[in-house]
Protein backbone atom coordinates (compact mmCIF):
# COMPACT_ATOMS: atom_id res chain seq x y z
CA MET A 1 0.00 0.00 0.00
CA PHE A 2 1.17 3.50 -0.78
CA THR A 3 0.01 6.84 0.62
CA GLY A 4 0.48 8.76 -2.63
CA LEU A 5 2.80 11.22 -0.89
CA VAL A 6 6.06 11.74 -2.81
CA GLN A 7 9.07 11.00 -0.62
CA ALA A 8 11.86 11.69 -3.11
CA VAL A 9 12.53 12.62 -6.71
CA GLY A 10 14.89 10.37 -8.66
CA THR A 11 16.49 10.58 -12.08
CA VAL A 12 16.28 7.88 -14.74
CA VAL A 13 19.81 6.65 -15.48
CA HIS A 14 18.83 4.41 -18.40
CA THR A 15 16.12 2.19 -19.83
CA ARG A 16 17.01 -1.06 -21.58
CA GLU A 17 14.83 -3.38 -23.60
CA GLY A 18 14.81 -7.02 -22.54
CA PRO A 19 13.21 -10.26 -23.67
CA GLY A 20 9.46 -10.24 -24.26
CA GLY A 21 9.21 -6.46 -24.33
CA VAL A 22 10.18 -6.11 -20.67
CA ARG A 23 12.03 -2.85 -20.04
CA ARG A 24 14.63 -2.46 -17.28
CA ILE A 25 14.46 1.01 -15.76
CA ALA A 26 17.36 2.22 -13.62
CA VAL A 27 16.72 5.19 -11.31
CA ASP A 28 19.23 7.18 -9.30
CA THR A 29 17.48 7.94 -6.02
CA GLY A 30 20.00 10.64 -5.07
CA ALA A 31 20.00 11.52 -1.39
CA TRP A 32 16.87 9.48 -0.55
CA ALA A 33 17.66 7.77 2.76
CA HIS A 34 15.45 4.75 2.01
CA ARG A 35 17.54 1.79 0.83
CA PRO A 36 15.28 -1.05 -0.31
CA SER A 37 16.27 -4.66 -0.90
CA PRO A 38 15.56 -6.76 -3.99
CA GLY A 39 11.87 -7.66 -4.01
CA ASP A 40 10.74 -4.50 -2.20
CA SER A 41 7.96 -2.40 -3.73
CA ILE A 42 8.57 1.20 -4.75
CA ALA A 43 6.06 3.53 -6.40
CA VAL A 44 7.75 5.15 -9.41
CA ASP A 45 5.60 8.02 -10.67
CA GLY A 46 2.70 6.35 -8.87
CA CYS A 47 3.20 2.92 -10.42
CA CYS A 48 4.13 0.06 -8.07
CA LEU A 49 7.35 -1.62 -9.24
CA THR A 50 9.58 -4.26 -7.67
CA VAL A 51 13.30 -3.68 -7.06
CA VAL A 52 15.30 -6.19 -9.12
CA GLY A 53 18.91 -7.10 -8.46
CA GLU A 54 21.08 -5.60 -5.80
CA PRO A 55 20.94 -1.80 -5.62
CA GLU A 56 24.18 -0.16 -6.77
CA GLU A 57 24.94 2.80 -4.52
CA SER A 58 21.88 5.04 -4.98
CA VAL A 59 20.67 3.37 -8.21
CA LEU A 60 17.66 1.03 -8.15
CA SER A 61 16.53 -1.14 -11.06
CA PHE A 62 13.00 -2.20 -11.96
CA ASP A 63 11.47 -4.33 -14.72
CA ALA A 64 8.27 -3.07 -16.35
CA ILE A 65 6.17 -5.39 -18.52
CA PRO A 66 4.65 -4.25 -21.84
CA GLN A 67 1.16 -3.74 -20.32
CA THR A 68 2.58 -1.43 -17.64
CA LEU A 69 4.59 0.48 -20.23
CA ALA A 70 1.50 0.91 -22.43
CA LEU A 71 -0.89 2.03 -19.68
CA THR A 72 1.34 4.33 -17.61
CA THR A 73 3.80 7.15 -18.21
CA LEU A 74 6.66 4.69 -17.59
CA GLY A 75 6.63 3.76 -21.28
CA SER A 76 7.88 7.22 -22.25
CA LEU A 77 10.71 7.47 -19.70
CA ARG A 78 14.18 8.29 -20.99
CA ALA A 79 17.56 8.90 -19.37
CA GLY A 80 17.54 12.18 -17.49
CA ASP A 81 13.80 12.19 -16.77
CA ARG A 82 12.79 12.90 -13.18
CA VAL A 83 10.42 10.51 -11.38
CA ASN A 84 8.55 10.65 -8.08
CA LEU A 85 9.44 7.92 -5.58
CA GLU A 86 7.66 6.45 -2.57
CA HIS A 87 8.30 3.30 -0.54
CA ALA A 88 5.45 1.09 0.60
CA ALA A 89 3.59 2.11 3.74
CA THR A 90 4.21 0.33 7.02
CA PRO A 91 2.10 0.34 10.20
CA SER A 92 4.21 3.26 11.47
CA THR A 93 3.95 5.36 8.28
CA LEU A 94 2.48 8.83 8.76
CA LEU A 95 -0.47 8.97 6.37
CA GLY A 96 -0.41 12.77 6.02
CA GLY A 97 -4.15 13.28 6.15
CA HIS A 98 -5.14 10.64 3.57
């Protein structure tokens, strides 16, 4: 579950096409203190994606399937684009009035 409140703004490092139309999206999270593990959910521009592979410094990678790319703004992302980031809510997450 996500609150919809942006926690950080990241920058797309690259997008790479993979088998079956899956696109790997790498995002530099900059100074965001949250450091997820592989398998954790992160909302990228409001779309829930799963961290794949081990994060490299402040760069997280995600795989987006063709349906996600077609129905969200993720399909138009290019290197240098800025994206909103949010980690999944926990029982202690401040909901900010939602």
